[in-house]
Amino acid sequence: MLCKAIDPKKKLTLSRKFLRRKSGYVILSIEEYTKLCERITPVYYLKEKSAQAIDKLYKEGMKEYYSGKCKTLKSLSELD
């Protein structure tokens, strides 16, 4: 189900029957929803050798990308 932004000036009315059938709803502001999503997503911090290895891999990848060595694939079957 897609959500639409609700005009805060308008009144939102939900029937008791609808709420009972759907076990209720939670209404959050976009800011609260964003914070909730950020707290749920795990955050990993790499240290020392792991972080250096990822940094090196990233730099090499970006160098290849900007030098034109990368190509766009339409599917994984195009990998050789």
Protein backbone atom coordinates (compact mmCIF):
# COMPACT_ATOMS: atom_id res chain seq x y z
CA MET A 1 0.00 0.00 0.00
CA LEU A 2 1.40 3.39 -0.99
CA CYS A 3 1.27 6.21 1.51
CA LYS A 4 0.20 9.73 0.76
CA ALA A 5 1.17 12.75 2.77
CA ILE A 6 -1.76 13.98 4.81
CA ASP A 7 -2.46 17.67 5.04
CA PRO A 8 -2.03 18.48 8.75
CA LYS A 9 -4.93 20.91 8.54
CA LYS A 10 -7.35 18.17 7.50
CA LYS A 11 -8.95 15.79 9.95
CA LEU A 12 -8.17 12.09 9.59
CA THR A 13 -11.01 9.74 10.47
CA LEU A 14 -10.71 5.95 10.69
CA SER A 15 -13.63 3.73 11.57
CA ARG A 16 -13.42 1.44 14.61
CA LYS A 17 -14.35 -1.50 12.38
CA PHE A 18 -11.41 -0.75 10.08
CA LEU A 19 -9.01 -0.42 13.01
CA ARG A 20 -10.16 -3.66 14.63
CA ARG A 21 -9.88 -5.54 11.36
CA LYS A 22 -6.36 -4.22 10.70
CA SER A 23 -5.20 -4.43 14.36
CA GLY A 24 -4.68 -0.66 14.46
CA TYR A 25 -2.29 1.76 12.84
CA VAL A 26 0.59 3.94 13.96
CA ILE A 27 0.83 7.44 12.57
CA LEU A 28 4.28 9.04 12.66
CA SER A 29 5.76 12.21 11.27
CA ILE A 30 8.30 11.77 8.47
CA GLU A 31 11.04 12.85 10.89
CA GLU A 32 10.05 10.23 13.48
CA TYR A 33 9.75 7.55 10.78
CA THR A 34 13.22 8.39 9.44
CA LYS A 35 14.75 8.20 12.92
CA LEU A 36 13.04 4.86 13.52
CA CYS A 37 14.42 3.45 10.26
CA GLU A 38 17.92 4.67 11.13
CA ARG A 39 17.80 2.95 14.53
CA ILE A 40 16.64 -0.34 13.00
CA THR A 41 19.40 -0.47 10.36
CA PRO A 42 22.58 -2.01 11.77
CA VAL A 43 25.72 0.13 11.64
CA TYR A 44 29.12 -1.48 11.38
CA TYR A 45 32.37 0.32 12.10
CA LEU A 46 35.53 -1.18 10.66
CA LYS A 47 38.88 -0.68 12.35
CA GLU A 48 42.50 -0.77 11.30
CA LYS A 49 43.27 -3.35 8.59
CA SER A 50 39.64 -3.99 7.66
CA ALA A 51 38.94 -0.28 7.21
CA GLN A 52 42.16 0.25 5.25
CA ALA A 53 41.34 -2.69 2.96
CA ILE A 54 37.87 -1.33 2.20
CA ASP A 55 39.27 2.17 1.59
CA LYS A 56 41.87 0.76 -0.82
CA LEU A 57 39.23 -1.31 -2.65
CA TYR A 58 36.99 1.76 -2.96
CA LYS A 59 39.81 3.95 -4.30
CA GLU A 60 40.81 1.32 -6.87
CA GLY A 61 37.21 0.91 -7.98
CA MET A 62 36.69 4.64 -8.38
CA LYS A 63 39.95 4.95 -10.32
CA GLU A 64 38.77 2.20 -12.72
CA TYR A 65 35.33 3.81 -13.02
CA TYR A 66 36.71 7.24 -13.92
CA SER A 67 39.25 5.79 -16.33
CA GLY A 68 36.42 4.10 -18.28
CA LYS A 69 37.27 0.49 -17.45
CA CYS A 70 33.76 -0.20 -16.12
CA LYS A 71 30.82 -1.15 -18.30
CA THR A 72 27.08 -1.26 -17.72
CA LEU A 73 25.49 -4.71 -17.69
CA LYS A 74 21.84 -5.43 -18.41
CA SER A 75 22.01 -8.81 -16.66
CA LEU A 76 24.44 -11.00 -14.80
CA SER A 77 24.66 -13.33 -17.81
CA GLU A 78 26.79 -10.66 -19.54
CA LEU A 79 29.61 -11.21 -17.03
CA ASP A 80 32.56 -12.93 -18.68
